């Protein structure tokens, strides 16, 4: 059985994205993050490992910085095009 915190982080006209931190109360596996996307009544779930979660956080942080600087170059961070 899993339990955890759940939050809907985005919506559009036809769907939403939610994130849930999963904790296996029988401790058969490590903590995981479950990412659900729903669109037009269909749901797709993805379990993210710690490495995948780190990469997602990095990419979202980079995208946020670009949004904050209105797409201007971020001094020496030219790895994303």
PDB file of N, CA and C in Angstrom:
ATOM      1  N   UNK A   1       0.833  -1.179   0.000  1.00  0.00           N
ATOM      2  CA  UNK A   1       0.000   0.000   0.000  1.00  0.00           C
ATOM      3  C   UNK A   1       0.880   1.245   0.000  1.00  0.00           C
ATOM      4  N   UNK A   2       0.497   2.219  -0.798  1.00  0.00           N
ATOM      5  CA  UNK A   2       1.252   3.454  -0.882  1.00  0.00           C
ATOM      6  C   UNK A   2       0.477   4.596  -0.243  1.00  0.00           C
ATOM      7  N   UNK A   3       1.205   5.525   0.285  1.00  0.00           N
ATOM      8  CA  UNK A   3       0.582   6.743   0.775  1.00  0.00           C
ATOM      9  C   UNK A   3       1.520   7.890   0.435  1.00  0.00           C
ATOM     10  N   UNK A   4       1.011   9.087   0.459  1.00  0.00           N
ATOM     11  CA  UNK A   4       1.886  10.204   0.175  1.00  0.00           C
ATOM     12  C   UNK A   4       1.136  11.468  -0.126  1.00  0.00           C
ATOM     13  N   UNK A   5       1.901  12.502  -0.350  1.00  0.00           N
ATOM     14  CA  UNK A   5       1.384  13.819  -0.668  1.00  0.00           C
ATOM     15  C   UNK A   5       1.056  13.891  -2.152  1.00  0.00           C
ATOM     16  N   UNK A   6      -0.074  14.486  -2.506  1.00  0.00           N
ATOM     17  CA  UNK A   6      -0.438  14.637  -3.909  1.00  0.00           C
ATOM     18  C   UNK A   6      -0.776  16.102  -4.174  1.00  0.00           C
ATOM     19  N   UNK A   7      -0.377  16.578  -5.348  1.00  0.00           N
ATOM     20  CA  UNK A   7      -0.665  17.958  -5.731  1.00  0.00           C
ATOM     21  C   UNK A   7      -0.891  18.031  -7.226  1.00  0.00           C
ATOM     22  N   UNK A   8      -1.894  18.773  -7.638  1.00  0.00           N
ATOM     23  CA  UNK A   8      -2.102  19.043  -9.055  1.00  0.00           C
ATOM     24  C   UNK A   8      -1.310  20.294  -9.378  1.00  0.00           C
ATOM     25  N   UNK A   9      -0.375  20.188 -10.323  1.00  0.00           N
ATOM     26  CA  UNK A   9       0.528  21.305 -10.577  1.00  0.00           C
ATOM     27  C   UNK A   9       0.223  22.050 -11.863  1.00  0.00           C
ATOM     28  N   UNK A  10      -0.670  21.555 -12.661  1.00  0.00           N
ATOM     29  CA  UNK A  10      -0.986  22.263 -13.886  1.00  0.00           C
ATOM     30  C   UNK A  10      -2.267  21.779 -14.497  1.00  0.00           C
ATOM     31  N   UNK A  11      -2.910  22.668 -15.217  1.00  0.00           N
ATOM     32  CA  UNK A  11      -4.156  22.317 -15.900  1.00  0.00           C
ATOM     33  C   UNK A  11      -4.194  23.013 -17.251  1.00  0.00           C
ATOM     34  N   UNK A  12      -4.879  22.406 -18.166  1.00  0.00           N
ATOM     35  CA  UNK A  12      -5.218  23.047 -19.419  1.00  0.00           C
ATOM     36  C   UNK A  12      -6.645  22.638 -19.735  1.00  0.00           C
ATOM     37  N   UNK A  13      -7.153  23.067 -20.847  1.00  0.00           N
ATOM     38  CA  UNK A  13      -8.566  22.780 -21.132  1.00  0.00           C
ATOM     39  C   UNK A  13      -8.895  21.293 -21.126  1.00  0.00           C
ATOM     40  N   UNK A  14      -7.974  20.460 -21.593  1.00  0.00           N
ATOM     41  CA  UNK A  14      -8.310  19.043 -21.748  1.00  0.00           C
ATOM     42  C   UNK A  14      -7.589  18.116 -20.780  1.00  0.00           C
ATOM     43  N   UNK A  15      -6.825  18.660 -19.832  1.00  0.00           N
ATOM     44  CA  UNK A  15      -6.113  17.743 -18.949  1.00  0.00           C
ATOM     45  C   UNK A  15      -5.415  18.433 -17.803  1.00  0.00           C
ATOM     46  N   UNK A  16      -4.649  17.643 -17.051  1.00  0.00           N
ATOM     47  CA  UNK A  16      -3.909  18.181 -15.925  1.00  0.00           C
ATOM     48  C   UNK A  16      -2.686  17.314 -15.666  1.00  0.00           C
ATOM     49  N   UNK A  17      -1.782  17.822 -14.836  1.00  0.00           N
ATOM     50  CA  UNK A  17      -0.606  17.080 -14.400  1.00  0.00           C
ATOM     51  C   UNK A  17      -0.631  17.067 -12.882  1.00  0.00           C
ATOM     52  N   UNK A  18      -0.422  15.905 -12.279  1.00  0.00           N
ATOM     53  CA  UNK A  18      -0.335  15.835 -10.827  1.00  0.00           C
ATOM     54  C   UNK A  18       0.915  15.069 -10.435  1.00  0.00           C
ATOM     55  N   UNK A  19       1.420  15.380  -9.258  1.00  0.00           N
ATOM     56  CA  UNK A  19       2.629  14.757  -8.738  1.00  0.00           C
ATOM     57  C   UNK A  19       2.310  14.172  -7.375  1.00  0.00           C
ATOM     58  N   UNK A  20       2.818  12.980  -7.114  1.00  0.00           N
ATOM     59  CA  UNK A  20       2.579  12.336  -5.827  1.00  0.00           C
ATOM     60  C   UNK A  20       3.874  11.722  -5.333  1.00  0.00           C
ATOM     61  N   UNK A  21       4.214  11.985  -4.077  1.00  0.00           N
ATOM     62  CA  UNK A  21       5.340  11.328  -3.434  1.00  0.00           C
ATOM     63  C   UNK A  21       4.819  10.021  -2.853  1.00  0.00           C
ATOM     64  N   UNK A  22       5.381   8.917  -3.304  1.00  0.00           N
ATOM     65  CA  UNK A  22       4.902   7.602  -2.853  1.00  0.00           C
ATOM     66  C   UNK A  22       5.808   7.049  -1.766  1.00  0.00           C
ATOM     67  N   UNK A  23       5.190   6.536  -0.758  1.00  0.00           N
ATOM     68  CA  UNK A  23       5.909   5.882   0.325  1.00  0.00           C
ATOM     69  C   UNK A  23       5.283   4.513   0.516  1.00  0.00           C
ATOM     70  N   UNK A  24       6.078   3.487   0.344  1.00  0.00           N
ATOM     71  CA  UNK A  24       5.607   2.117   0.516  1.00  0.00           C
ATOM     72  C   UNK A  24       5.621   1.806   2.010  1.00  0.00           C
ATOM     73  N   UNK A  25       4.441   1.647   2.594  1.00  0.00           N
ATOM     74  CA  UNK A  25       4.416   1.487   4.052  1.00  0.00           C
ATOM     75  C   UNK A  25       4.998   0.149   4.502  1.00  0.00           C
ATOM     76  N   UNK A  26       5.210  -0.777   3.581  1.00  0.00           N
ATOM     77  CA  UNK A  26       5.844  -2.044   3.927  1.00  0.00           C
ATOM     78  C   UNK A  26       7.336  -2.023   3.587  1.00  0.00           C
ATOM     79  N   UNK A  27       7.842  -0.873   3.151  1.00  0.00           N
ATOM     80  CA  UNK A  27       9.248  -0.613   2.878  1.00  0.00           C
ATOM     81  C   UNK A  27       9.860  -1.653   1.942  1.00  0.00           C
ATOM     82  N   UNK A  28       9.149  -1.989   0.889  1.00  0.00           N
ATOM     83  CA  UNK A  28       9.693  -2.904  -0.107  1.00  0.00           C
ATOM     84  C   UNK A  28      10.542  -2.171  -1.132  1.00  0.00           C
ATOM     85  N   UNK A  29      10.344  -0.862  -1.232  1.00  0.00           N
ATOM     86  CA  UNK A  29      11.130  -0.088  -2.186  1.00  0.00           C
ATOM     87  C   UNK A  29      11.367   1.311  -1.632  1.00  0.00           C
ATOM     88  N   UNK A  30      12.268   2.038  -2.286  1.00  0.00           N
ATOM     89  CA  UNK A  30      12.573   3.403  -1.869  1.00  0.00           C
ATOM     90  C   UNK A  30      11.407   4.328  -2.183  1.00  0.00           C
ATOM     91  N   UNK A  31      11.477   5.526  -1.620  1.00  0.00           N
ATOM     92  CA  UNK A  31      10.518   6.558  -1.981  1.00  0.00           C
ATOM     93  C   UNK A  31      10.583   6.804  -3.478  1.00  0.00           C
ATOM     94  N   UNK A  32       9.478   7.137  -4.062  1.00  0.00           N
ATOM     95  CA  UNK A  32       9.442   7.431  -5.496  1.00  0.00           C
ATOM     96  C   UNK A  32       8.484   8.586  -5.722  1.00  0.00           C
ATOM     97  N   UNK A  33       8.645   9.237  -6.846  1.00  0.00           N
ATOM     98  CA  UNK A  33       7.726  10.284  -7.239  1.00  0.00           C
ATOM     99  C   UNK A  33       6.931   9.759  -8.413  1.00  0.00           C
ATOM    100  N   UNK A  34       5.611   9.845  -8.305  1.00  0.00           N
ATOM    101  CA  UNK A  34       4.714   9.399  -9.374  1.00  0.00           C
ATOM    102  C   UNK A  34       4.174  10.638 -10.074  1.00  0.00           C
ATOM    103  N   UNK A  35       4.357  10.702 -11.360  1.00  0.00           N
ATOM    104  CA  UNK A  35       3.884  11.809 -12.175  1.00  0.00           C
ATOM    105  C   UNK A  35       2.748  11.285 -13.032  1.00  0.00           C
ATOM    106  N   UNK A  36       1.562  11.874 -12.888  1.00  0.00           N
ATOM    107  CA  UNK A  36       0.387  11.485 -13.666  1.00  0.00           C
ATOM    108  C   UNK A  36       0.022  12.615 -14.616  1.00  0.00           C
ATOM    109  N   UNK A  37      -0.265  12.258 -15.840  1.00  0.00           N
ATOM    110  CA  UNK A  37      -0.800  13.235 -16.782  1.00  0.00           C
ATOM    111  C   UNK A  37      -2.138  12.705 -17.276  1.00  0.00           C
ATOM    112  N   UNK A  38      -3.102  13.585 -17.340  1.00  0.00           N
ATOM    113  CA  UNK A  38      -4.430  13.207 -17.815  1.00  0.00           C
ATOM    114  C   UNK A  38      -4.817  14.137 -18.948  1.00  0.00           C
ATOM    115  N   UNK A  39      -5.312  13.553 -20.022  1.00  0.00           N
ATOM    116  CA  UNK A  39      -5.754  14.342 -21.164  1.00  0.00           C
ATOM    117  C   UNK A  39      -6.873  13.597 -21.865  1.00  0.00           C
ATOM    118  N   UNK A  40      -7.948  14.299 -22.115  1.00  0.00           N
ATOM    119  CA  UNK A  40      -9.102  13.716 -22.803  1.00  0.00           C
ATOM    120  C   UNK A  40      -9.556  12.401 -22.172  1.00  0.00           C
ATOM    121  N   UNK A  41      -9.500  12.323 -20.849  1.00  0.00           N
ATOM    122  CA  UNK A  41      -9.982  11.143 -20.151  1.00  0.00           C
ATOM    123  C   UNK A  41      -8.983  10.010 -20.023  1.00  0.00           C
ATOM    124  N   UNK A  42      -7.828  10.096 -20.664  1.00  0.00           N
ATOM    125  CA  UNK A  42      -6.805   9.057 -20.565  1.00  0.00           C
ATOM    126  C   UNK A  42      -5.710   9.521 -19.603  1.00  0.00           C
ATOM    127  N   UNK A  43      -5.239   8.603 -18.759  1.00  0.00           N
ATOM    128  CA  UNK A  43      -4.203   8.936 -17.784  1.00  0.00           C
ATOM    129  C   UNK A  43      -2.956   8.108 -18.049  1.00  0.00           C
ATOM    130  N   UNK A  44      -1.804   8.762 -17.974  1.00  0.00           N
ATOM    131  CA  UNK A  44      -0.507   8.090 -18.103  1.00  0.00           C
ATOM    132  C   UNK A  44       0.269   8.348 -16.820  1.00  0.00           C
ATOM    133  N   UNK A  45       0.771   7.293 -16.192  1.00  0.00           N
ATOM    134  CA  UNK A  45       1.542   7.418 -14.955  1.00  0.00           C
ATOM    135  C   UNK A  45       2.996   7.042 -15.200  1.00  0.00           C
ATOM    136  N   UNK A  46       3.894   7.764 -14.522  1.00  0.00           N
ATOM    137  CA  UNK A  46       5.325   7.492 -14.621  1.00  0.00           C
ATOM    138  C   UNK A  46       5.892   7.532 -13.209  1.00  0.00           C
ATOM    139  N   UNK A  47       6.658   6.518 -12.831  1.00  0.00           N
ATOM    140  CA  UNK A  47       7.391   6.534 -11.570  1.00  0.00           C
ATOM    141  C   UNK A  47       8.798   7.032 -11.854  1.00  0.00           C
ATOM    142  N   UNK A  48       9.222   8.057 -11.144  1.00  0.00           N
ATOM    143  CA  UNK A  48      10.541   8.639 -11.363  1.00  0.00           C
ATOM    144  C   UNK A  48      11.512   8.156 -10.297  1.00  0.00           C
ATOM    145  N   UNK A  49      12.679   7.707 -10.743  1.00  0.00           N
ATOM    146  CA  UNK A  49      13.740   7.343  -9.816  1.00  0.00           C
ATOM    147  C   UNK A  49      14.361   8.621  -9.270  1.00  0.00           C
ATOM    148  N   UNK A  50      15.231   8.498  -8.316  1.00  0.00           N
ATOM    149  CA  UNK A  50      15.909   9.662  -7.753  1.00  0.00           C
ATOM    150  C   UNK A  50      16.710  10.404  -8.830  1.00  0.00           C
ATOM    151  N   UNK A  51      17.379   9.662  -9.702  1.00  0.00           N
ATOM    152  CA  UNK A  51      18.154  10.279 -10.783  1.00  0.00           C
ATOM    153  C   UNK A  51      17.246  11.009 -11.764  1.00  0.00           C
ATOM    154  N   UNK A  52      16.147  10.386 -12.145  1.00  0.00           N
ATOM    155  CA  UNK A  52      15.204  11.027 -13.063  1.00  0.00           C
ATOM    156  C   UNK A  52      14.584  12.269 -12.432  1.00  0.00           C
ATOM    157  N   UNK A  53      14.279  12.196 -11.143  1.00  0.00           N
ATOM    158  CA  UNK A  53      13.717  13.353 -10.444  1.00  0.00           C
ATOM    159  C   UNK A  53      14.720  14.497 -10.396  1.00  0.00           C
ATOM    160  N   UNK A  54      15.982  14.185 -10.109  1.00  0.00           N
ATOM    161  CA  UNK A  54      17.021  15.217 -10.116  1.00  0.00           C
ATOM    162  C   UNK A  54      17.114  15.889 -11.480  1.00  0.00           C
ATOM    163  N   UNK A  55      17.071  15.100 -12.547  1.00  0.00           N
ATOM    164  CA  UNK A  55      17.143  15.650 -13.900  1.00  0.00           C
ATOM    165  C   UNK A  55      15.923  16.532 -14.203  1.00  0.00           C
ATOM    166  N   UNK A  56      14.734  16.076 -13.797  1.00  0.00           N
ATOM    167  CA  UNK A  56      13.521  16.864 -14.013  1.00  0.00           C
ATOM    168  C   UNK A  56      13.606  18.197 -13.273  1.00  0.00           C
ATOM    169  N   UNK A  57      14.051  18.169 -12.017  1.00  0.00           N
ATOM    170  CA  UNK A  57      14.194  19.406 -11.244  1.00  0.00           C
ATOM    171  C   UNK A  57      15.194  20.336 -11.911  1.00  0.00           C
ATOM    172  N   UNK A  58      16.310  19.801 -12.382  1.00  0.00           N
ATOM    173  CA  UNK A  58      17.313  20.611 -13.071  1.00  0.00           C
ATOM    174  C   UNK A  58      16.705  21.275 -14.309  1.00  0.00           C
ATOM    175  N   UNK A  59      16.015  20.496 -15.129  1.00  0.00           N
ATOM    176  CA  UNK A  59      15.444  21.031 -16.366  1.00  0.00           C
ATOM    177  C   UNK A  59      14.356  22.067 -16.085  1.00  0.00           C
ATOM    178  N   UNK A  60      13.523  21.807 -15.083  1.00  0.00           N
ATOM    179  CA  UNK A  60      12.486  22.778 -14.730  1.00  0.00           C
ATOM    180  C   UNK A  60      13.092  24.061 -14.168  1.00  0.00           C
ATOM    181  N   UNK A  61      14.152  23.931 -13.376  1.00  0.00           N
ATOM    182  CA  UNK A  61      14.824  25.114 -12.842  1.00  0.00           C
ATOM    183  C   UNK A  61      15.425  25.940 -13.970  1.00  0.00           C
ATOM    184  N   UNK A  62      16.038  25.274 -14.932  1.00  0.00           N
ATOM    185  CA  UNK A  62      16.622  25.966 -16.082  1.00  0.00           C
ATOM    186  C   UNK A  62      15.526  26.680 -16.887  1.00  0.00           C
ATOM    187  N   UNK A  63      14.419  25.986 -17.122  1.00  0.00           N
ATOM    188  CA  UNK A  63      13.311  26.596 -17.866  1.00  0.00           C
ATOM    189  C   UNK A  63      12.750  27.798 -17.103  1.00  0.00           C
ATOM    190  N   UNK A  64      12.670  27.697 -15.795  1.00  0.00           N
ATOM    191  CA  UNK A  64      12.176  28.815 -14.980  1.00  0.00           C
ATOM    192  C   UNK A  64      13.111  30.015 -15.085  1.00  0.00           C
ATOM    193  N   UNK A  65      14.421  29.759 -15.044  1.00  0.00           N
ATOM    194  CA  UNK A  65      15.381  30.855 -15.195  1.00  0.00           C
ATOM    195  C   UNK A  65      15.235  31.534 -16.550  1.00  0.00           C
ATOM    196  N   UNK A  66      15.040  30.741 -17.600  1.00  0.00           N
ATOM    197  CA  UNK A  66      14.840  31.321 -18.927  1.00  0.00           C
ATOM    198  C   UNK A  66      13.573  32.166 -18.972  1.00  0.00           C
ATOM    199  N   UNK A  67      12.516  31.692 -18.316  1.00  0.00           N
ATOM    200  CA  UNK A  67      11.272  32.463 -18.278  1.00  0.00           C
ATOM    201  C   UNK A  67      11.475  33.772 -17.509  1.00  0.00           C
ATOM    202  N   UNK A  68      12.231  33.713 -16.426  1.00  0.00           N
ATOM    203  CA  UNK A  68      12.459  34.904 -15.609  1.00  0.00           C
ATOM    204  C   UNK A  68      13.314  35.940 -16.345  1.00  0.00           C
ATOM    205  N   UNK A  69      14.197  35.462 -17.218  1.00  0.00           N
ATOM    206  CA  UNK A  69      15.067  36.381 -17.964  1.00  0.00           C
ATOM    207  C   UNK A  69      14.533  36.634 -19.363  1.00  0.00           C
ATOM    208  N   UNK A  70      13.301  36.218 -19.603  1.00  0.00           N
ATOM    209  CA  UNK A  70      12.634  36.403 -20.891  1.00  0.00           C
ATOM    210  C   UNK A  70      13.465  35.848 -22.056  1.00  0.00           C
ATOM    211  N   UNK A  71      14.116  34.708 -21.822  1.00  0.00           N
ATOM    212  CA  UNK A  71      14.854  34.014 -22.870  1.00  0.00           C
ATOM    213  C   UNK A  71      16.246  34.540 -23.141  1.00  0.00           C
ATOM    214  N   UNK A  72      16.708  35.502 -22.364  1.00  0.00           N
ATOM    215  CA  UNK A  72      18.053  36.036 -22.556  1.00  0.00           C
ATOM    216  C   UNK A  72      19.081  34.999 -22.112  1.00  0.00           C
ATOM    217  N   UNK A  73      20.265  34.990 -22.749  1.00  0.00           N
ATOM    218  CA  UNK A  73      21.318  34.026 -22.365  1.00  0.00           C
ATOM    219  C   UNK A  73      21.658  34.139 -20.875  1.00  0.00           C
ATOM    220  N   UNK A  74      21.963  33.003 -20.276  1.00  0.00           N
ATOM    221  CA  UNK A  74      22.273  32.949 -18.851  1.00  0.00           C
ATOM    222  C   UNK A  74      23.789  32.837 -18.632  1.00  0.00           C
ATOM    223  N   UNK A  75      24.546  33.780 -19.040  1.00  0.00           N
ATOM    224  CA  UNK A  75      25.985  33.859 -18.799  1.00  0.00           C
ATOM    225  C   UNK A  75      26.724  32.546 -18.698  1.00  0.00           C
ATOM    226  N   UNK A  76      27.095  31.971 -19.825  1.00  0.00           N
ATOM    227  CA  UNK A  76      27.918  30.767 -19.843  1.00  0.00           C
ATOM    228  C   UNK A  76      27.160  29.456 -19.799  1.00  0.00           C
ATOM    229  N   UNK A  77      25.871  29.466 -19.663  1.00  0.00           N
ATOM    230  CA  UNK A  77      25.088  28.231 -19.674  1.00  0.00           C
ATOM    231  C   UNK A  77      24.499  28.036 -21.060  1.00  0.00           C
ATOM    232  N   UNK A  78      25.339  27.578 -21.972  1.00  0.00           N
ATOM    233  CA  UNK A  78      24.931  27.456 -23.387  1.00  0.00           C
ATOM    234  C   UNK A  78      24.665  26.007 -23.773  1.00  0.00           C
ATOM    235  N   UNK A  79      24.457  25.120 -22.795  1.00  0.00           N
ATOM    236  CA  UNK A  79      24.256  23.718 -23.117  1.00  0.00           C
ATOM    237  C   UNK A  79      22.852  23.429 -23.633  1.00  0.00           C
ATOM    238  N   UNK A  80      21.899  24.289 -23.371  1.00  0.00           N
ATOM    239  CA  UNK A  80      20.543  24.110 -23.888  1.00  0.00           C
ATOM    240  C   UNK A  80      20.346  25.051 -25.052  1.00  0.00           C
ATOM    241  N   UNK A  81      19.818  24.546 -26.135  1.00  0.00           N
ATOM    242  CA  UNK A  81      19.574  25.378 -27.318  1.00  0.00           C
ATOM    243  C   UNK A  81      18.102  25.421 -27.626  1.00  0.00           C
TER     244      UNK A  81
END
